Amino acid sequence: MAESLRIDATEDTPLIDFDTATGVFKVTGRALPEDAHEFFKPIEEWVQDYVESPLANTTVEMRIDYFNSAATRYIFNLLMCFEDIVEEERGEVKVEWYYKEGDDMIETKGEELSSILELPFEMKTL
């Protein structure tokens, strides 16, 4: 199993806290990196490794308060990787999508991703 992954947040990038001891993977903060590929590609590669030998239960907590269109693509790709766990019957995954009450943009993005992906989504207000 992959070791836990932690990347501290910056003004333009979210906290990545993927804890393989608990199976709780958190993405928290703003996601508007100057180079989305450079930021997200190593995370995506880590998740692809995790998918090979995941825990029985994985929870992905998305607490992003703003993200640009470039980050949207990578967030979708990350969630697609987690979808592989379910499709390959390697474990259970749920996504908890957090948004501030009244933040229609983040709420709508969560609903859109939920309708596209074959993962259970829980929409939660902060």
N, C-alpha and C. Protein backbone atom coordinates (compact mmCIF):
# COMPACT_ATOMS: atom_id res chain seq x y z
N MET A 1 0.83 -1.18 0.00
CA MET A 1 0.00 0.00 0.00
C MET A 1 0.88 1.25 0.00
N ALA A 2 0.40 2.25 -0.66
CA ALA A 2 1.14 3.51 -0.73
C ALA A 2 1.20 4.16 0.65
N GLU A 3 2.28 4.89 0.89
CA GLU A 3 2.38 5.67 2.12
C GLU A 3 1.45 6.87 2.01
N SER A 4 1.06 7.42 3.14
CA SER A 4 0.20 8.60 3.13
C SER A 4 0.86 9.73 2.34
N LEU A 5 0.02 10.60 1.82
CA LEU A 5 0.50 11.74 1.03
C LEU A 5 -0.02 13.02 1.66
N ARG A 6 0.89 13.96 1.89
CA ARG A 6 0.49 15.26 2.42
C ARG A 6 1.25 16.35 1.69
N ILE A 7 0.49 17.30 1.17
CA ILE A 7 1.05 18.48 0.52
C ILE A 7 0.35 19.67 1.16
N ASP A 8 1.13 20.54 1.79
CA ASP A 8 0.55 21.70 2.46
C ASP A 8 -0.08 22.66 1.46
N ALA A 9 -1.11 23.33 1.91
CA ALA A 9 -1.81 24.31 1.09
C ALA A 9 -0.95 25.55 0.89
N THR A 10 -1.18 26.20 -0.22
CA THR A 10 -0.61 27.52 -0.47
C THR A 10 -1.78 28.46 -0.77
N GLU A 11 -1.48 29.66 -1.14
CA GLU A 11 -2.53 30.61 -1.49
C GLU A 11 -3.34 30.10 -2.69
N ASP A 12 -2.68 29.38 -3.59
CA ASP A 12 -3.34 28.95 -4.83
C ASP A 12 -3.51 27.45 -4.99
N THR A 13 -3.06 26.67 -4.02
CA THR A 13 -3.19 25.22 -4.12
C THR A 13 -3.78 24.66 -2.83
N PRO A 14 -4.57 23.60 -2.94
CA PRO A 14 -5.22 23.06 -1.75
C PRO A 14 -4.31 22.16 -0.92
N LEU A 15 -4.69 21.97 0.32
CA LEU A 15 -4.08 20.97 1.17
C LEU A 15 -4.46 19.60 0.61
N ILE A 16 -3.49 18.74 0.46
CA ILE A 16 -3.73 17.35 0.08
C ILE A 16 -3.32 16.53 1.29
N ASP A 17 -4.26 15.83 1.89
CA ASP A 17 -3.98 15.01 3.07
C ASP A 17 -4.64 13.65 2.86
N PHE A 18 -3.91 12.74 2.26
CA PHE A 18 -4.40 11.40 1.94
C PHE A 18 -3.80 10.44 2.96
N ASP A 19 -4.61 10.04 3.92
CA ASP A 19 -4.15 9.23 5.05
C ASP A 19 -4.50 7.76 4.81
N THR A 20 -3.50 6.96 4.51
CA THR A 20 -3.74 5.55 4.23
C THR A 20 -4.01 4.74 5.50
N ALA A 21 -3.77 5.31 6.67
CA ALA A 21 -4.10 4.61 7.92
C ALA A 21 -5.61 4.64 8.17
N THR A 22 -6.26 5.75 7.80
CA THR A 22 -7.70 5.91 8.06
C THR A 22 -8.55 5.73 6.81
N GLY A 23 -7.95 5.90 5.64
CA GLY A 23 -8.72 5.84 4.40
C GLY A 23 -9.48 7.13 4.11
N VAL A 24 -9.13 8.20 4.82
CA VAL A 24 -9.77 9.50 4.59
C VAL A 24 -8.79 10.37 3.81
N PHE A 25 -9.24 10.79 2.65
CA PHE A 25 -8.41 11.58 1.74
C PHE A 25 -9.05 12.95 1.58
N LYS A 26 -8.34 13.97 2.05
CA LYS A 26 -8.89 15.33 2.07
C LYS A 26 -8.21 16.23 1.04
N VAL A 27 -9.03 16.98 0.35
CA VAL A 27 -8.56 18.05 -0.54
C VAL A 27 -9.27 19.31 -0.04
N THR A 28 -8.49 20.25 0.50
CA THR A 28 -9.08 21.40 1.19
C THR A 28 -8.43 22.70 0.75
N GLY A 29 -9.26 23.68 0.36
CA GLY A 29 -8.75 25.01 0.05
C GLY A 29 -9.04 25.43 -1.38
N ARG A 30 -8.21 26.31 -1.88
CA ARG A 30 -8.37 26.87 -3.22
C ARG A 30 -7.52 26.08 -4.20
N ALA A 31 -8.06 25.85 -5.39
CA ALA A 31 -7.32 25.11 -6.43
C ALA A 31 -7.27 25.94 -7.70
N LEU A 32 -6.28 26.80 -7.76
CA LEU A 32 -6.02 27.56 -8.97
C LEU A 32 -4.53 27.67 -9.18
N PRO A 33 -3.88 26.50 -9.30
CA PRO A 33 -2.43 26.52 -9.48
C PRO A 33 -2.04 27.14 -10.81
N GLU A 34 -0.87 27.78 -10.80
CA GLU A 34 -0.38 28.39 -12.03
C GLU A 34 -0.19 27.32 -13.11
N ASP A 35 0.32 26.16 -12.72
CA ASP A 35 0.49 25.04 -13.64
C ASP A 35 -0.24 23.84 -13.05
N ALA A 36 -1.49 23.64 -13.47
CA ALA A 36 -2.32 22.58 -12.90
C ALA A 36 -1.70 21.21 -13.13
N HIS A 37 -1.10 20.98 -14.27
CA HIS A 37 -0.49 19.69 -14.55
C HIS A 37 0.64 19.40 -13.56
N GLU A 38 1.49 20.37 -13.35
CA GLU A 38 2.63 20.20 -12.43
C GLU A 38 2.16 19.88 -11.01
N PHE A 39 1.08 20.54 -10.59
CA PHE A 39 0.58 20.31 -9.23
C PHE A 39 -0.14 18.97 -9.11
N PHE A 40 -1.06 18.69 -10.03
CA PHE A 40 -1.94 17.53 -9.88
C PHE A 40 -1.36 16.21 -10.39
N LYS A 41 -0.44 16.24 -11.34
CA LYS A 41 0.06 14.99 -11.91
C LYS A 41 0.68 14.05 -10.87
N PRO A 42 1.55 14.52 -9.97
CA PRO A 42 2.09 13.62 -8.95
C PRO A 42 1.00 13.06 -8.02
N ILE A 43 -0.04 13.84 -7.76
CA ILE A 43 -1.14 13.38 -6.92
C ILE A 43 -1.91 12.28 -7.64
N GLU A 44 -2.17 12.51 -8.91
CA GLU A 44 -2.86 11.50 -9.72
C GLU A 44 -2.06 10.20 -9.78
N GLU A 45 -0.76 10.31 -9.94
CA GLU A 45 0.10 9.12 -9.97
C GLU A 45 0.05 8.39 -8.63
N TRP A 46 0.04 9.14 -7.52
CA TRP A 46 -0.06 8.53 -6.21
C TRP A 46 -1.37 7.77 -6.07
N VAL A 47 -2.47 8.40 -6.51
CA VAL A 47 -3.79 7.75 -6.42
C VAL A 47 -3.82 6.49 -7.28
N GLN A 48 -3.20 6.54 -8.45
CA GLN A 48 -3.17 5.35 -9.30
C GLN A 48 -2.44 4.21 -8.60
N ASP A 49 -1.39 4.51 -7.86
CA ASP A 49 -0.70 3.47 -7.08
C ASP A 49 -1.61 2.95 -5.96
N TYR A 50 -2.30 3.86 -5.29
CA TYR A 50 -3.20 3.48 -4.20
C TYR A 50 -4.31 2.54 -4.70
N VAL A 51 -4.83 2.82 -5.88
CA VAL A 51 -5.91 2.03 -6.47
C VAL A 51 -5.52 0.56 -6.62
N GLU A 52 -4.24 0.30 -6.79
CA GLU A 52 -3.78 -1.08 -6.95
C GLU A 52 -3.97 -1.91 -5.68
N SER A 53 -3.91 -1.27 -4.51
CA SER A 53 -4.08 -1.99 -3.25
C SER A 53 -4.73 -1.06 -2.22
N PRO A 54 -6.01 -0.73 -2.43
CA PRO A 54 -6.68 0.23 -1.55
C PRO A 54 -7.17 -0.42 -0.26
N LEU A 55 -7.53 0.43 0.68
CA LEU A 55 -8.23 -0.03 1.88
C LEU A 55 -9.64 -0.46 1.49
N ALA A 56 -10.29 -1.18 2.37
CA ALA A 56 -11.66 -1.65 2.08
C ALA A 56 -12.62 -0.47 1.93
N ASN A 57 -12.38 0.61 2.69
CA ASN A 57 -13.24 1.79 2.62
C ASN A 57 -12.40 3.04 2.48
N THR A 58 -12.74 3.84 1.50
CA THR A 58 -12.04 5.10 1.24
C THR A 58 -13.08 6.21 1.20
N THR A 59 -12.79 7.29 1.90
CA THR A 59 -13.64 8.48 1.87
C THR A 59 -12.82 9.63 1.31
N VAL A 60 -13.35 10.27 0.28
CA VAL A 60 -12.70 11.41 -0.34
C VAL A 60 -13.47 12.66 0.09
N GLU A 61 -12.84 13.50 0.90
CA GLU A 61 -13.47 14.73 1.37
C GLU A 61 -12.99 15.89 0.50
N MET A 62 -13.89 16.41 -0.30
CA MET A 62 -13.58 17.54 -1.17
C MET A 62 -14.13 18.80 -0.50
N ARG A 63 -13.21 19.63 -0.02
CA ARG A 63 -13.58 20.88 0.66
C ARG A 63 -12.93 22.05 -0.08
N ILE A 64 -13.17 22.10 -1.35
CA ILE A 64 -12.56 23.14 -2.18
C ILE A 64 -13.50 24.33 -2.24
N ASP A 65 -12.98 25.50 -1.89
CA ASP A 65 -13.85 26.67 -1.89
C ASP A 65 -13.76 27.46 -3.19
N TYR A 66 -12.79 27.15 -4.02
CA TYR A 66 -12.72 27.76 -5.36
C TYR A 66 -11.76 26.94 -6.21
N PHE A 67 -12.11 26.73 -7.47
CA PHE A 67 -11.18 26.10 -8.39
C PHE A 67 -11.43 26.60 -9.80
N ASN A 68 -10.33 26.69 -10.56
CA ASN A 68 -10.44 27.19 -11.93
C ASN A 68 -10.71 26.03 -12.88
N SER A 69 -10.90 26.35 -14.15
CA SER A 69 -11.26 25.32 -15.12
C SER A 69 -10.15 24.29 -15.31
N ALA A 70 -8.91 24.70 -15.24
CA ALA A 70 -7.80 23.75 -15.37
C ALA A 70 -7.82 22.75 -14.22
N ALA A 71 -8.07 23.23 -13.02
CA ALA A 71 -8.12 22.34 -11.86
C ALA A 71 -9.32 21.41 -11.94
N THR A 72 -10.42 21.87 -12.52
CA THR A 72 -11.62 21.03 -12.65
C THR A 72 -11.29 19.73 -13.36
N ARG A 73 -10.55 19.80 -14.43
CA ARG A 73 -10.17 18.61 -15.20
C ARG A 73 -9.40 17.62 -14.34
N TYR A 74 -8.46 18.12 -13.55
CA TYR A 74 -7.64 17.24 -12.72
C TYR A 74 -8.43 16.67 -11.54
N ILE A 75 -9.33 17.45 -10.99
CA ILE A 75 -10.19 16.95 -9.92
C ILE A 75 -11.05 15.80 -10.46
N PHE A 76 -11.60 16.00 -11.64
CA PHE A 76 -12.37 14.94 -12.29
C PHE A 76 -11.51 13.69 -12.50
N ASN A 77 -10.29 13.89 -13.00
CA ASN A 77 -9.38 12.75 -13.23
C ASN A 77 -9.07 12.00 -11.93
N LEU A 78 -8.84 12.75 -10.86
CA LEU A 78 -8.57 12.10 -9.56
C LEU A 78 -9.77 11.25 -9.13
N LEU A 79 -10.96 11.82 -9.25
CA LEU A 79 -12.15 11.08 -8.84
C LEU A 79 -12.37 9.87 -9.74
N MET A 80 -12.01 9.98 -11.00
CA MET A 80 -12.12 8.82 -11.89
C MET A 80 -11.19 7.70 -11.44
N CYS A 81 -10.03 8.05 -10.93
CA CYS A 81 -9.11 7.03 -10.40
C CYS A 81 -9.76 6.30 -9.23
N PHE A 82 -10.39 7.04 -8.33
CA PHE A 82 -11.07 6.41 -7.20
C PHE A 82 -12.23 5.54 -7.68
N GLU A 83 -12.87 5.95 -8.76
CA GLU A 83 -13.96 5.16 -9.34
C GLU A 83 -13.46 3.77 -9.75
N ASP A 84 -12.21 3.69 -10.16
CA ASP A 84 -11.63 2.40 -10.55
C ASP A 84 -11.66 1.40 -9.40
N ILE A 85 -11.51 1.87 -8.18
CA ILE A 85 -11.55 0.97 -7.02
C ILE A 85 -12.88 0.24 -6.98
N VAL A 86 -13.96 0.98 -7.18
CA VAL A 86 -15.30 0.40 -7.13
C VAL A 86 -15.53 -0.50 -8.34
N GLU A 87 -15.17 -0.01 -9.52
CA GLU A 87 -15.39 -0.78 -10.74
C GLU A 87 -14.63 -2.10 -10.74
N GLU A 88 -13.45 -2.10 -10.14
CA GLU A 88 -12.63 -3.31 -10.10
C GLU A 88 -12.89 -4.13 -8.83
N GLU A 89 -13.92 -3.72 -8.08
CA GLU A 89 -14.35 -4.41 -6.86
C GLU A 89 -13.21 -4.62 -5.86
N ARG A 90 -12.44 -3.55 -5.67
CA ARG A 90 -11.32 -3.60 -4.72
C ARG A 90 -11.66 -2.94 -3.39
N GLY A 91 -12.83 -2.34 -3.30
CA GLY A 91 -13.23 -1.66 -2.08
C GLY A 91 -14.38 -0.70 -2.34
N GLU A 92 -14.78 -0.04 -1.27
CA GLU A 92 -15.85 0.95 -1.34
C GLU A 92 -15.24 2.35 -1.27
N VAL A 93 -15.85 3.26 -2.02
CA VAL A 93 -15.41 4.66 -2.03
C VAL A 93 -16.64 5.54 -1.93
N LYS A 94 -16.55 6.58 -1.13
CA LYS A 94 -17.59 7.60 -1.14
C LYS A 94 -16.92 8.96 -1.19
N VAL A 95 -17.62 9.89 -1.82
CA VAL A 95 -17.13 11.26 -1.92
C VAL A 95 -18.03 12.14 -1.07
N GLU A 96 -17.41 12.92 -0.19
CA GLU A 96 -18.14 13.92 0.58
C GLU A 96 -17.76 15.28 -0.01
N TRP A 97 -18.72 15.91 -0.66
CA TRP A 97 -18.50 17.18 -1.36
C TRP A 97 -19.04 18.31 -0.48
N TYR A 98 -18.14 19.10 0.08
CA TYR A 98 -18.52 20.19 0.97
C TYR A 98 -18.57 21.51 0.22
N TYR A 99 -19.56 22.33 0.57
CA TYR A 99 -19.67 23.66 -0.01
C TYR A 99 -20.32 24.58 1.01
N LYS A 100 -19.99 25.85 0.90
CA LYS A 100 -20.59 26.83 1.81
C LYS A 100 -22.02 27.09 1.37
N GLU A 101 -22.88 27.21 2.35
CA GLU A 101 -24.28 27.50 2.05
C GLU A 101 -24.37 28.76 1.18
N GLY A 102 -25.07 28.65 0.08
CA GLY A 102 -25.21 29.77 -0.84
C GLY A 102 -24.15 29.82 -1.93
N ASP A 103 -23.16 28.93 -1.87
CA ASP A 103 -22.12 28.89 -2.90
C ASP A 103 -22.60 27.98 -4.04
N ASP A 104 -23.39 28.57 -4.92
CA ASP A 104 -24.02 27.79 -5.99
C ASP A 104 -23.01 27.17 -6.95
N MET A 105 -21.89 27.87 -7.18
CA MET A 105 -20.91 27.35 -8.14
C MET A 105 -20.32 26.02 -7.64
N ILE A 106 -19.85 25.99 -6.41
CA ILE A 106 -19.23 24.77 -5.87
C ILE A 106 -20.28 23.67 -5.73
N GLU A 107 -21.47 24.03 -5.28
CA GLU A 107 -22.54 23.04 -5.16
C GLU A 107 -22.87 22.43 -6.53
N THR A 108 -23.00 23.27 -7.53
CA THR A 108 -23.33 22.80 -8.88
C THR A 108 -22.23 21.91 -9.44
N LYS A 109 -20.97 22.28 -9.23
CA LYS A 109 -19.85 21.45 -9.71
C LYS A 109 -19.90 20.07 -9.07
N GLY A 110 -20.18 20.02 -7.78
CA GLY A 110 -20.31 18.73 -7.10
C GLY A 110 -21.44 17.90 -7.68
N GLU A 111 -22.57 18.55 -7.94
CA GLU A 111 -23.71 17.83 -8.52
C GLU A 111 -23.38 17.33 -9.92
N GLU A 112 -22.67 18.15 -10.70
CA GLU A 112 -22.28 17.73 -12.06
C GLU A 112 -21.36 16.52 -12.00
N LEU A 113 -20.35 16.56 -11.14
CA LEU A 113 -19.43 15.44 -11.02
C LEU A 113 -20.16 14.19 -10.53
N SER A 114 -21.08 14.38 -9.61
CA SER A 114 -21.86 13.26 -9.08
C SER A 114 -22.67 12.58 -10.19
N SER A 115 -23.19 13.38 -11.11
CA SER A 115 -24.02 12.81 -12.17
C SER A 115 -23.19 12.08 -13.23
N ILE A 116 -21.90 12.40 -13.32
CA ILE A 116 -21.02 11.80 -14.33
C ILE A 116 -20.33 10.55 -13.80
N LEU A 117 -19.93 10.59 -12.54
CA LEU A 117 -19.13 9.51 -11.96
C LEU A 117 -20.01 8.44 -11.31
N GLU A 118 -19.51 7.24 -11.31
CA GLU A 118 -20.20 6.12 -10.67
C GLU A 118 -19.68 5.96 -9.24
N LEU A 119 -19.80 7.02 -8.47
CA LEU A 119 -19.38 7.04 -7.06
C LEU A 119 -20.49 7.64 -6.24
N PRO A 120 -20.72 7.14 -5.03
CA PRO A 120 -21.71 7.79 -4.17
C PRO A 120 -21.18 9.13 -3.68
N PHE A 121 -21.96 10.18 -3.87
CA PHE A 121 -21.62 11.52 -3.42
C PHE A 121 -22.56 11.92 -2.30
N GLU A 122 -22.01 12.52 -1.26
CA GLU A 122 -22.80 13.15 -0.22
C GLU A 122 -22.53 14.64 -0.31
N MET A 123 -23.56 15.41 -0.59
CA MET A 123 -23.42 16.86 -0.67
C MET A 123 -23.64 17.39 0.75
N LYS A 124 -22.65 18.16 1.26
CA LYS A 124 -22.71 18.64 2.63
C LYS A 124 -22.39 20.14 2.67
N THR A 125 -23.20 20.86 3.43
CA THR A 125 -22.92 22.29 3.60
C THR A 125 -22.01 22.49 4.80
N LEU A 126 -21.18 23.52 4.69
CA LEU A 126 -20.28 23.89 5.79
C LEU A 126 -20.96 24.88 6.71
